[in-house]
C-alpha cells in the first residue's frame, strides 16, 4: 500500500461525499495503491451511513465507527493504527484542508523528509480562535522549552516509521501535532491554502479548547510544578523580608497597634497560593490515576473494509 489517508469525522455529513470524490481523483494521479480511512467519532449526524455507502461502491474507502465520542485526536489514533500505507496523510473532513494539496506535500518528501506539514498561512478561522491558538502555543512552548508553529495542525504527510513511533507512545492524552514534535525525524512544512468551512461550525467551542489546552499542558509538561516551587521560594523570601522589616519597626517602637489589614491580606494571599498549588498538584495526581487504570484510548464499535 502506497498511501493511506486518515480522516476523523464529526459533523461532516455535507462534505464527506465531495471529499471522497476529490481524494480519489487526487490520489489516483499518484498511485492506484491507496486507501481512505474515515473514523466516525460518534457524530450525531448520519456520517456512518454515508461511509458505509461509499465503502460499498469503492473498496479503497474504509471506515471505523467508534462506540462514543472520544475526541478528534483519539479518532486520528484509531485511524493511524489501521493505516497500511508507506505514506500516511492526516486531514480534517470539513474541506478546509484541500485534498489536491496532498500532491505538493508528497512531492516535498522526495527531498528526503519524513514529515511534511501543511502551514496554513491564511487561516480561515475566527480572529479569536487564531489568537487563542497563538497564545496557547506561546505558553506551551515556554512550558516545554520547544518552539511550536501555530499555523500547523493535523494536515500533513508522514512516513510509516513516524506513525509507528507516534503509536508506540502510550500517552493517555493524545495531541497529534505535539506527539509528532516529540518523535523527531526529518521534517519541514510547506504553505497551503486554508479554505472557509463549507457548512456548519467547528465542534471546538471555547470551553472545549480551554479544556484541551489545559490537559495538553499538564500531560506534556512538568514545568507548572517547577513554577510552584519557584513561586513558593519567592514568597518565602518575601515573607521573611517583610517579617524582618516589621520586627525592626516593633523593636524600635514604630508600631503602636498591629495592622489588621496587612494580616488579613497576608492570610488570604498565602491561602490562595497554597490552594492553587494543591489544585495543580491534584491535577497531576489525577493524571497518574487515569494512567494507572490503563483503559483503551478508544473502542471500535463497527468497521468496514478493514
C-alpha atoms as a PDB file:
ATOM      1  CA  UNK A   1       0.000   0.000   0.000  1.00  0.00           C
ATOM      2  CA  UNK A   2       1.486   3.332  -1.079  1.00  0.00           C
ATOM      3  CA  UNK A   3      -0.810   5.883   0.573  1.00  0.00           C
ATOM      4  CA  UNK A   4      -3.249   5.960   3.454  1.00  0.00           C
ATOM      5  CA  UNK A   5      -5.418   8.975   4.236  1.00  0.00           C
ATOM      6  CA  UNK A   6      -6.862   9.169   7.755  1.00  0.00           C
ATOM      7  CA  UNK A   7      -9.837  11.481   8.217  1.00  0.00           C
ATOM      8  CA  UNK A   8     -11.526  11.944  11.620  1.00  0.00           C
ATOM      9  CA  UNK A   9     -15.210  12.617  11.062  1.00  0.00           C
ATOM     10  CA  UNK A  10     -17.544  14.667  13.251  1.00  0.00           C
ATOM     11  CA  UNK A  11     -20.433  16.705  11.860  1.00  0.00           C
ATOM     12  CA  UNK A  12     -19.138  16.417   8.284  1.00  0.00           C
ATOM     13  CA  UNK A  13     -22.192  14.835   6.638  1.00  0.00           C
ATOM     14  CA  UNK A  14     -22.447  17.580   3.995  1.00  0.00           C
ATOM     15  CA  UNK A  15     -18.807  17.384   2.892  1.00  0.00           C
ATOM     16  CA  UNK A  16     -17.798  13.738   3.093  1.00  0.00           C
ATOM     17  CA  UNK A  17     -19.114  12.724  -0.340  1.00  0.00           C
ATOM     18  CA  UNK A  18     -17.330  15.556  -2.143  1.00  0.00           C
ATOM     19  CA  UNK A  19     -14.203  14.929  -0.062  1.00  0.00           C
ATOM     20  CA  UNK A  20     -14.197  11.262  -1.119  1.00  0.00           C
ATOM     21  CA  UNK A  21     -14.504  12.130  -4.798  1.00  0.00           C
ATOM     22  CA  UNK A  22     -11.682  14.675  -4.664  1.00  0.00           C
ATOM     23  CA  UNK A  23      -9.455  12.343  -2.629  1.00  0.00           C
ATOM     24  CA  UNK A  24      -9.870   9.513  -5.128  1.00  0.00           C
ATOM     25  CA  UNK A  25      -9.148  11.829  -8.074  1.00  0.00           C
ATOM     26  CA  UNK A  26      -6.072  13.262  -6.368  1.00  0.00           C
ATOM     27  CA  UNK A  27      -4.595  10.010  -5.080  1.00  0.00           C
ATOM     28  CA  UNK A  28      -5.189   8.252  -8.415  1.00  0.00           C
ATOM     29  CA  UNK A  29      -2.724  10.658 -10.036  1.00  0.00           C
ATOM     30  CA  UNK A  30      -0.048   9.428  -7.601  1.00  0.00           C
ATOM     31  CA  UNK A  31      -0.772   5.699  -7.330  1.00  0.00           C
ATOM     32  CA  UNK A  32      -3.534   3.130  -7.591  1.00  0.00           C
ATOM     33  CA  UNK A  33      -2.419   1.706  -4.256  1.00  0.00           C
ATOM     34  CA  UNK A  34      -4.149   3.838  -1.670  1.00  0.00           C
ATOM     35  CA  UNK A  35      -6.833   3.743   0.983  1.00  0.00           C
ATOM     36  CA  UNK A  36      -9.035   6.372   2.608  1.00  0.00           C
ATOM     37  CA  UNK A  37      -9.900   5.614   6.229  1.00  0.00           C
ATOM     38  CA  UNK A  38     -12.786   7.564   7.727  1.00  0.00           C
ATOM     39  CA  UNK A  39     -13.084   7.438  11.516  1.00  0.00           C
ATOM     40  CA  UNK A  40     -16.554   8.371  12.678  1.00  0.00           C
ATOM     41  CA  UNK A  41     -16.177   9.841  16.168  1.00  0.00           C
ATOM     42  CA  UNK A  42     -19.782   9.026  17.080  1.00  0.00           C
ATOM     43  CA  UNK A  43     -21.100  12.006  15.169  1.00  0.00           C
ATOM     44  CA  UNK A  44     -24.767  12.882  15.816  1.00  0.00           C
ATOM     45  CA  UNK A  45     -25.349  13.131  12.059  1.00  0.00           C
ATOM     46  CA  UNK A  46     -25.572  10.270   9.531  1.00  0.00           C
ATOM     47  CA  UNK A  47     -21.892  10.067   8.561  1.00  0.00           C
ATOM     48  CA  UNK A  48     -21.565   6.348   9.300  1.00  0.00           C
ATOM     49  CA  UNK A  49     -24.387   5.502   6.884  1.00  0.00           C
ATOM     50  CA  UNK A  50     -22.680   7.660   4.239  1.00  0.00           C
ATOM     51  CA  UNK A  51     -19.334   5.959   4.897  1.00  0.00           C
ATOM     52  CA  UNK A  52     -20.944   2.510   4.545  1.00  0.00           C
ATOM     53  CA  UNK A  53     -22.487   3.519   1.220  1.00  0.00           C
ATOM     54  CA  UNK A  54     -19.216   4.973  -0.088  1.00  0.00           C
ATOM     55  CA  UNK A  55     -17.264   1.885   1.006  1.00  0.00           C
ATOM     56  CA  UNK A  56     -19.674  -0.446  -0.799  1.00  0.00           C
ATOM     57  CA  UNK A  57     -19.145   1.481  -4.025  1.00  0.00           C
ATOM     58  CA  UNK A  58     -15.362   1.952  -3.672  1.00  0.00           C
ATOM     59  CA  UNK A  59     -13.244  -0.745  -1.989  1.00  0.00           C
ATOM     60  CA  UNK A  60     -10.430   1.712  -1.282  1.00  0.00           C
ATOM     61  CA  UNK A  61     -12.708   3.656   1.070  1.00  0.00           C
ATOM     62  CA  UNK A  62     -12.763   2.150   4.548  1.00  0.00           C
ATOM     63  CA  UNK A  63     -14.425   3.103   7.790  1.00  0.00           C
ATOM     64  CA  UNK A  64     -14.170   2.856  11.558  1.00  0.00           C
ATOM     65  CA  UNK A  65     -17.103   3.675  13.820  1.00  0.00           C
ATOM     66  CA  UNK A  66     -16.183   4.474  17.434  1.00  0.00           C
ATOM     67  CA  UNK A  67     -18.519   3.454  20.251  1.00  0.00           C
ATOM     68  CA  UNK A  68     -18.807   7.020  21.551  1.00  0.00           C
ATOM     69  CA  UNK A  69     -17.283  10.451  21.060  1.00  0.00           C
ATOM     70  CA  UNK A  70     -13.663  10.103  22.204  1.00  0.00           C
ATOM     71  CA  UNK A  71     -12.322  13.292  20.586  1.00  0.00           C
ATOM     72  CA  UNK A  72     -10.578  14.211  17.350  1.00  0.00           C
ATOM     73  CA  UNK A  73      -7.064  13.134  18.335  1.00  0.00           C
ATOM     74  CA  UNK A  74      -8.246   9.755  19.589  1.00  0.00           C
ATOM     75  CA  UNK A  75     -10.112   9.227  16.314  1.00  0.00           C
ATOM     76  CA  UNK A  76      -6.885  10.052  14.479  1.00  0.00           C
ATOM     77  CA  UNK A  77      -5.068   7.473  16.616  1.00  0.00           C
ATOM     78  CA  UNK A  78      -7.662   4.828  15.697  1.00  0.00           C
ATOM     79  CA  UNK A  79      -7.196   5.581  12.000  1.00  0.00           C
ATOM     80  CA  UNK A  80      -3.397   5.526  12.232  1.00  0.00           C
ATOM     81  CA  UNK A  81      -3.483   2.146  13.983  1.00  0.00           C
ATOM     82  CA  UNK A  82      -5.272   0.688  10.938  1.00  0.00           C
ATOM     83  CA  UNK A  83      -3.363   2.517   8.191  1.00  0.00           C
ATOM     84  CA  UNK A  84      -1.210   0.297   5.960  1.00  0.00           C
ATOM     85  CA  UNK A  85       0.347   2.868   3.658  1.00  0.00           C
ATOM     86  CA  UNK A  86       4.020   3.694   3.295  1.00  0.00           C
ATOM     87  CA  UNK A  87       2.983   7.358   3.391  1.00  0.00           C
ATOM     88  CA  UNK A  88       0.110   8.416   5.622  1.00  0.00           C
ATOM     89  CA  UNK A  89      -1.872  11.636   5.285  1.00  0.00           C
ATOM     90  CA  UNK A  90      -3.937  13.070   8.137  1.00  0.00           C
ATOM     91  CA  UNK A  91      -6.526  15.715   7.341  1.00  0.00           C
ATOM     92  CA  UNK A  92      -9.849  17.102   8.561  1.00  0.00           C
ATOM     93  CA  UNK A  93     -13.131  16.188   6.948  1.00  0.00           C
ATOM     94  CA  UNK A  94     -14.693  19.637   6.568  1.00  0.00           C
ATOM     95  CA  UNK A  95     -12.813  20.529   3.327  1.00  0.00           C
ATOM     96  CA  UNK A  96     -10.876  23.345   4.951  1.00  0.00           C
ATOM     97  CA  UNK A  97      -7.886  21.117   4.125  1.00  0.00           C
ATOM     98  CA  UNK A  98      -7.718  20.750   0.341  1.00  0.00           C
ATOM     99  CA  UNK A  99      -7.202  17.149  -0.941  1.00  0.00           C
ATOM    100  CA  UNK A 100      -5.386  18.417  -4.050  1.00  0.00           C
ATOM    101  CA  UNK A 101      -2.531  19.716  -1.903  1.00  0.00           C
ATOM    102  CA  UNK A 102      -1.575  16.157  -0.975  1.00  0.00           C
ATOM    103  CA  UNK A 103       0.375  16.130  -4.248  1.00  0.00           C
ATOM    104  CA  UNK A 104       2.507  19.091  -3.125  1.00  0.00           C
ATOM    105  CA  UNK A 105       3.037  17.521   0.280  1.00  0.00           C
ATOM    106  CA  UNK A 106       4.160  14.225  -1.226  1.00  0.00           C
ATOM    107  CA  UNK A 107       6.473  15.860  -3.775  1.00  0.00           C
ATOM    108  CA  UNK A 108       8.255  17.589  -0.892  1.00  0.00           C
ATOM    109  CA  UNK A 109       9.008  14.215   0.755  1.00  0.00           C
ATOM    110  CA  UNK A 110      11.176  13.330  -2.254  1.00  0.00           C
ATOM    111  CA  UNK A 111      13.744  15.775  -0.874  1.00  0.00           C
ATOM    112  CA  UNK A 112      14.377  13.377   2.000  1.00  0.00           C
ATOM    113  CA  UNK A 113      11.792  14.487   4.545  1.00  0.00           C
ATOM    114  CA  UNK A 114       9.850  12.053   6.747  1.00  0.00           C
ATOM    115  CA  UNK A 115       7.322  14.674   7.841  1.00  0.00           C
ATOM    116  CA  UNK A 116       5.867  17.394   5.637  1.00  0.00           C
ATOM    117  CA  UNK A 117       3.346  19.533   7.475  1.00  0.00           C
ATOM    118  CA  UNK A 118       0.857  21.943   5.955  1.00  0.00           C
ATOM    119  CA  UNK A 119       1.365  25.517   7.162  1.00  0.00           C
ATOM    120  CA  UNK A 120      -1.927  27.412   6.978  1.00  0.00           C
ATOM    121  CA  UNK A 121      -0.586  30.826   6.031  1.00  0.00           C
ATOM    122  CA  UNK A 122      -4.031  32.431   5.735  1.00  0.00           C
ATOM    123  CA  UNK A 123      -6.213  30.596   8.216  1.00  0.00           C
ATOM    124  CA  UNK A 124      -9.939  30.952   7.558  1.00  0.00           C
ATOM    125  CA  UNK A 125     -10.836  30.822  11.226  1.00  0.00           C
ATOM    126  CA  UNK A 126     -12.250  33.447  13.541  1.00  0.00           C
ATOM    127  CA  UNK A 127      -9.749  36.010  14.801  1.00  0.00           C
ATOM    128  CA  UNK A 128     -10.404  34.947  18.410  1.00  0.00           C
ATOM    129  CA  UNK A 129      -9.620  31.309  17.570  1.00  0.00           C
ATOM    130  CA  UNK A 130      -6.371  32.252  15.822  1.00  0.00           C
ATOM    131  CA  UNK A 131      -5.433  34.458  18.764  1.00  0.00           C
ATOM    132  CA  UNK A 132      -6.150  31.635  21.222  1.00  0.00           C
ATOM    133  CA  UNK A 133      -4.052  29.237  19.136  1.00  0.00           C
ATOM    134  CA  UNK A 134      -1.094  31.628  19.020  1.00  0.00           C
ATOM    135  CA  UNK A 135      -1.341  32.277  22.769  1.00  0.00           C
ATOM    136  CA  UNK A 136      -1.583  28.568  23.597  1.00  0.00           C
ATOM    137  CA  UNK A 137       1.493  27.622  21.567  1.00  0.00           C
ATOM    138  CA  UNK A 138       3.454  30.506  23.094  1.00  0.00           C
ATOM    139  CA  UNK A 139       2.583  29.311  26.599  1.00  0.00           C
ATOM    140  CA  UNK A 140       3.097  25.660  25.707  1.00  0.00           C
ATOM    141  CA  UNK A 141       6.431  26.443  24.074  1.00  0.00           C
ATOM    142  CA  UNK A 142       7.546  28.235  27.230  1.00  0.00           C
ATOM    143  CA  UNK A 143       6.491  25.327  29.445  1.00  0.00           C
ATOM    144  CA  UNK A 144       8.180  22.690  27.260  1.00  0.00           C
ATOM    145  CA  UNK A 145      11.163  24.720  26.015  1.00  0.00           C
ATOM    146  CA  UNK A 146      10.248  23.879  22.421  1.00  0.00           C
ATOM    147  CA  UNK A 147       9.205  26.264  19.644  1.00  0.00           C
ATOM    148  CA  UNK A 148       5.870  25.355  18.062  1.00  0.00           C
ATOM    149  CA  UNK A 149       4.356  26.763  14.883  1.00  0.00           C
ATOM    150  CA  UNK A 150       0.699  27.645  15.478  1.00  0.00           C
ATOM    151  CA  UNK A 151      -0.005  27.611  11.716  1.00  0.00           C
ATOM    152  CA  UNK A 152       0.497  23.821  11.681  1.00  0.00           C
ATOM    153  CA  UNK A 153      -2.317  21.484  12.738  1.00  0.00           C
ATOM    154  CA  UNK A 154      -3.016  17.859  11.733  1.00  0.00           C
ATOM    155  CA  UNK A 155      -2.825  18.172   7.948  1.00  0.00           C
ATOM    156  CA  UNK A 156       0.366  16.706   6.541  1.00  0.00           C
ATOM    157  CA  UNK A 157       2.021  13.598   5.152  1.00  0.00           C
ATOM    158  CA  UNK A 158       4.072  11.264   7.297  1.00  0.00           C
ATOM    159  CA  UNK A 159       6.264   8.240   6.652  1.00  0.00           C
ATOM    160  CA  UNK A 160       5.049   4.991   8.214  1.00  0.00           C
ATOM    161  CA  UNK A 161       8.080   4.912  10.552  1.00  0.00           C
ATOM    162  CA  UNK A 162       6.978   8.256  12.001  1.00  0.00           C
ATOM    163  CA  UNK A 163       3.463   6.956  12.589  1.00  0.00           C
ATOM    164  CA  UNK A 164       4.755   3.753  14.191  1.00  0.00           C
ATOM    165  CA  UNK A 165       6.793   5.908  16.573  1.00  0.00           C
ATOM    166  CA  UNK A 166       3.738   8.015  17.424  1.00  0.00           C
ATOM    167  CA  UNK A 167       1.638   4.894  18.032  1.00  0.00           C
ATOM    168  CA  UNK A 168       4.319   3.479  20.328  1.00  0.00           C
ATOM    169  CA  UNK A 169       3.783   6.415  22.700  1.00  0.00           C
ATOM    170  CA  UNK A 170       1.371   5.433  25.461  1.00  0.00           C
ATOM    171  CA  UNK A 171       0.267   8.932  26.471  1.00  0.00           C
ATOM    172  CA  UNK A 172      -3.362   8.902  27.574  1.00  0.00           C
ATOM    173  CA  UNK A 173      -3.854  12.482  26.403  1.00  0.00           C
ATOM    174  CA  UNK A 174      -3.433  12.468  22.630  1.00  0.00           C
ATOM    175  CA  UNK A 175      -2.449  15.613  20.751  1.00  0.00           C
ATOM    176  CA  UNK A 176      -1.233  14.553  17.320  1.00  0.00           C
ATOM    177  CA  UNK A 177       0.907  17.625  16.426  1.00  0.00           C
ATOM    178  CA  UNK A 178       2.568  17.568  19.858  1.00  0.00           C
ATOM    179  CA  UNK A 179       3.369  13.849  19.596  1.00  0.00           C
ATOM    180  CA  UNK A 180       4.846  14.451  16.141  1.00  0.00           C
ATOM    181  CA  UNK A 181       7.075  17.166  17.547  1.00  0.00           C
ATOM    182  CA  UNK A 182       8.408  14.822  20.213  1.00  0.00           C
ATOM    183  CA  UNK A 183       9.348  11.885  17.944  1.00  0.00           C
ATOM    184  CA  UNK A 184      11.699  13.987  15.813  1.00  0.00           C
ATOM    185  CA  UNK A 185      12.646  12.786  12.277  1.00  0.00           C
ATOM    186  CA  UNK A 186      13.459  14.968   9.273  1.00  0.00           C
ATOM    187  CA  UNK A 187      10.672  17.485   8.960  1.00  0.00           C
ATOM    188  CA  UNK A 188       9.625  20.527   7.024  1.00  0.00           C
ATOM    189  CA  UNK A 189       6.485  22.441   6.154  1.00  0.00           C
ATOM    190  CA  UNK A 190       5.003  23.995   3.049  1.00  0.00           C
ATOM    191  CA  UNK A 191       2.470  26.783   2.738  1.00  0.00           C
ATOM    192  CA  UNK A 192      -1.039  25.683   1.804  1.00  0.00           C
ATOM    193  CA  UNK A 193      -4.334  27.462   1.319  1.00  0.00           C
ATOM    194  CA  UNK A 194      -6.857  27.088   4.122  1.00  0.00           C
ATOM    195  CA  UNK A 195     -10.453  27.293   2.967  1.00  0.00           C
ATOM    196  CA  UNK A 196     -13.625  28.518   4.602  1.00  0.00           C
ATOM    197  CA  UNK A 197     -15.720  25.863   6.318  1.00  0.00           C
ATOM    198  CA  UNK A 198     -18.361  24.803   3.789  1.00  0.00           C
ATOM    199  CA  UNK A 199     -21.121  24.116   6.286  1.00  0.00           C
ATOM    200  CA  UNK A 200     -21.864  24.104   9.982  1.00  0.00           C
ATOM    201  CA  UNK A 201     -19.382  25.278  12.576  1.00  0.00           C
ATOM    202  CA  UNK A 202     -16.405  23.869  14.404  1.00  0.00           C
ATOM    203  CA  UNK A 203     -17.160  21.342  17.142  1.00  0.00           C
ATOM    204  CA  UNK A 204     -14.473  23.020  19.264  1.00  0.00           C
ATOM    205  CA  UNK A 205     -16.147  25.704  21.356  1.00  0.00           C
ATOM    206  CA  UNK A 206     -14.042  27.808  23.712  1.00  0.00           C
ATOM    207  CA  UNK A 207     -14.847  25.607  26.690  1.00  0.00           C
ATOM    208  CA  UNK A 208     -13.516  22.544  24.850  1.00  0.00           C
ATOM    209  CA  UNK A 209     -10.484  24.468  23.595  1.00  0.00           C
ATOM    210  CA  UNK A 210      -9.530  25.604  27.101  1.00  0.00           C
ATOM    211  CA  UNK A 211     -10.061  22.091  28.476  1.00  0.00           C
ATOM    212  CA  UNK A 212      -7.954  20.536  25.716  1.00  0.00           C
ATOM    213  CA  UNK A 213      -5.227  23.153  26.141  1.00  0.00           C
ATOM    214  CA  UNK A 214      -5.113  22.613  29.911  1.00  0.00           C
ATOM    215  CA  UNK A 215      -4.950  18.810  29.557  1.00  0.00           C
ATOM    216  CA  UNK A 216      -2.167  19.040  26.965  1.00  0.00           C
ATOM    217  CA  UNK A 217      -0.095  21.386  29.129  1.00  0.00           C
ATOM    218  CA  UNK A 218      -0.486  19.218  32.245  1.00  0.00           C
ATOM    219  CA  UNK A 219       0.172  15.986  30.325  1.00  0.00           C
ATOM    220  CA  UNK A 220       3.216  17.116  28.371  1.00  0.00           C
ATOM    221  CA  UNK A 221       4.963  19.444  30.804  1.00  0.00           C
ATOM    222  CA  UNK A 222       6.022  19.312  34.452  1.00  0.00           C
ATOM    223  CA  UNK A 223       7.056  22.956  34.445  1.00  0.00           C
ATOM    224  CA  UNK A 224       3.945  24.117  36.370  1.00  0.00           C
ATOM    225  CA  UNK A 225       5.253  22.062  39.296  1.00  0.00           C
ATOM    226  CA  UNK A 226       8.668  23.727  38.992  1.00  0.00           C
ATOM    227  CA  UNK A 227       6.994  27.145  38.825  1.00  0.00           C
ATOM    228  CA  UNK A 228       5.122  26.282  42.025  1.00  0.00           C
ATOM    229  CA  UNK A 229       8.462  25.593  43.726  1.00  0.00           C
ATOM    230  CA  UNK A 230       9.931  28.857  42.448  1.00  0.00           C
ATOM    231  CA  UNK A 231       6.817  30.766  43.482  1.00  0.00           C
ATOM    232  CA  UNK A 232       6.865  29.248  46.932  1.00  0.00           C
ATOM    233  CA  UNK A 233      10.564  30.041  47.306  1.00  0.00           C
ATOM    234  CA  UNK A 234       9.988  33.657  46.209  1.00  0.00           C
ATOM    235  CA  UNK A 235       7.054  34.093  48.591  1.00  0.00           C
ATOM    236  CA  UNK A 236       9.111  32.613  51.448  1.00  0.00           C
ATOM    237  CA  UNK A 237      11.929  35.103  50.834  1.00  0.00           C
ATOM    238  CA  UNK A 238       9.436  37.970  50.542  1.00  0.00           C
ATOM    239  CA  UNK A 239       7.645  36.913  53.734  1.00  0.00           C
ATOM    240  CA  UNK A 240      10.948  36.645  55.603  1.00  0.00           C
ATOM    241  CA  UNK A 241      11.976  40.141  54.428  1.00  0.00           C
ATOM    242  CA  UNK A 242       8.609  41.607  55.444  1.00  0.00           C
ATOM    243  CA  UNK A 243       8.865  39.846  58.801  1.00  0.00           C
ATOM    244  CA  UNK A 244      12.321  41.278  59.471  1.00  0.00           C
ATOM    245  CA  UNK A 245      11.088  44.738  58.479  1.00  0.00           C
ATOM    246  CA  UNK A 246       8.103  44.668  60.866  1.00  0.00           C
ATOM    247  CA  UNK A 247      10.221  43.101  63.647  1.00  0.00           C
ATOM    248  CA  UNK A 248      12.641  46.023  63.341  1.00  0.00           C
ATOM    249  CA  UNK A 249       9.781  48.537  63.446  1.00  0.00           C
ATOM    250  CA  UNK A 250       8.327  46.785  66.505  1.00  0.00           C
ATOM    251  CA  UNK A 251      11.662  46.785  68.371  1.00  0.00           C
ATOM    252  CA  UNK A 252      12.220  50.466  67.644  1.00  0.00           C
ATOM    253  CA  UNK A 253       8.728  51.310  68.876  1.00  0.00           C
ATOM    254  CA  UNK A 254       7.400  52.488  65.488  1.00  0.00           C
ATOM    255  CA  UNK A 255       4.373  50.175  65.661  1.00  0.00           C
ATOM    256  CA  UNK A 256       1.918  51.012  68.384  1.00  0.00           C
ATOM    257  CA  UNK A 257      -1.055  48.966  67.090  1.00  0.00           C
ATOM    258  CA  UNK A 258      -0.640  45.807  64.987  1.00  0.00           C
ATOM    259  CA  UNK A 259      -2.036  46.204  61.466  1.00  0.00           C
ATOM    260  CA  UNK A 260      -5.228  44.206  60.895  1.00  0.00           C
ATOM    261  CA  UNK A 261      -5.268  44.890  57.134  1.00  0.00           C
ATOM    262  CA  UNK A 262      -1.780  43.571  56.443  1.00  0.00           C
ATOM    263  CA  UNK A 263      -2.513  40.446  58.470  1.00  0.00           C
ATOM    264  CA  UNK A 264      -5.739  39.661  56.603  1.00  0.00           C
ATOM    265  CA  UNK A 265      -4.162  40.353  53.212  1.00  0.00           C
ATOM    266  CA  UNK A 266      -1.244  38.050  54.034  1.00  0.00           C
ATOM    267  CA  UNK A 267      -3.544  35.241  55.167  1.00  0.00           C
ATOM    268  CA  UNK A 268      -5.760  35.455  52.084  1.00  0.00           C
ATOM    269  CA  UNK A 269      -2.826  35.758  49.685  1.00  0.00           C
ATOM    270  CA  UNK A 270      -0.860  32.839  51.103  1.00  0.00           C
ATOM    271  CA  UNK A 271      -4.015  30.708  51.422  1.00  0.00           C
ATOM    272  CA  UNK A 272      -4.778  31.349  47.764  1.00  0.00           C
ATOM    273  CA  UNK A 273      -1.257  30.344  46.736  1.00  0.00           C
ATOM    274  CA  UNK A 274      -1.476  27.163  48.823  1.00  0.00           C
ATOM    275  CA  UNK A 275      -4.863  26.182  47.363  1.00  0.00           C
ATOM    276  CA  UNK A 276      -3.675  26.902  43.820  1.00  0.00           C
ATOM    277  CA  UNK A 277      -0.575  24.773  44.363  1.00  0.00           C
ATOM    278  CA  UNK A 278      -2.621  21.932  45.824  1.00  0.00           C
ATOM    279  CA  UNK A 279      -5.016  22.166  42.885  1.00  0.00           C
ATOM    280  CA  UNK A 280      -2.232  21.877  40.312  1.00  0.00           C
ATOM    281  CA  UNK A 281      -0.689  19.003  42.247  1.00  0.00           C
ATOM    282  CA  UNK A 282      -4.087  17.327  42.396  1.00  0.00           C
ATOM    283  CA  UNK A 283      -4.457  17.512  38.615  1.00  0.00           C
ATOM    284  CA  UNK A 284      -1.118  15.748  38.169  1.00  0.00           C
ATOM    285  CA  UNK A 285      -2.185  13.061  40.638  1.00  0.00           C
ATOM    286  CA  UNK A 286      -5.443  12.683  38.706  1.00  0.00           C
ATOM    287  CA  UNK A 287      -3.452  12.089  35.505  1.00  0.00           C
ATOM    288  CA  UNK A 288      -1.399   9.431  37.276  1.00  0.00           C
ATOM    289  CA  UNK A 289      -4.647   7.822  38.469  1.00  0.00           C
ATOM    290  CA  UNK A 290      -6.060   7.772  34.927  1.00  0.00           C
ATOM    291  CA  UNK A 291      -2.849   6.249  33.563  1.00  0.00           C
ATOM    292  CA  UNK A 292      -2.866   3.545  36.249  1.00  0.00           C
ATOM    293  CA  UNK A 293      -6.306   2.363  35.085  1.00  0.00           C
ATOM    294  CA  UNK A 294      -4.783   1.598  31.663  1.00  0.00           C
ATOM    295  CA  UNK A 295      -8.073   1.892  29.802  1.00  0.00           C
ATOM    296  CA  UNK A 296      -8.018   1.692  25.985  1.00  0.00           C
ATOM    297  CA  UNK A 297      -7.670   5.006  24.156  1.00  0.00           C
ATOM    298  CA  UNK A 298     -10.795   4.273  22.111  1.00  0.00           C
ATOM    299  CA  UNK A 299     -13.307   1.493  21.424  1.00  0.00           C
ATOM    300  CA  UNK A 300     -14.267   0.462  17.891  1.00  0.00           C
ATOM    301  CA  UNK A 301     -17.951  -0.369  17.507  1.00  0.00           C
ATOM    302  CA  UNK A 302     -18.046  -1.181  13.760  1.00  0.00           C
ATOM    303  CA  UNK A 303     -15.684  -1.198  10.840  1.00  0.00           C
ATOM    304  CA  UNK A 304     -15.868  -1.749   7.099  1.00  0.00           C
ATOM    305  CA  UNK A 305     -13.126  -2.671   4.661  1.00  0.00           C
ATOM    306  CA  UNK A 306     -10.560  -3.307   7.405  1.00  0.00           C
END
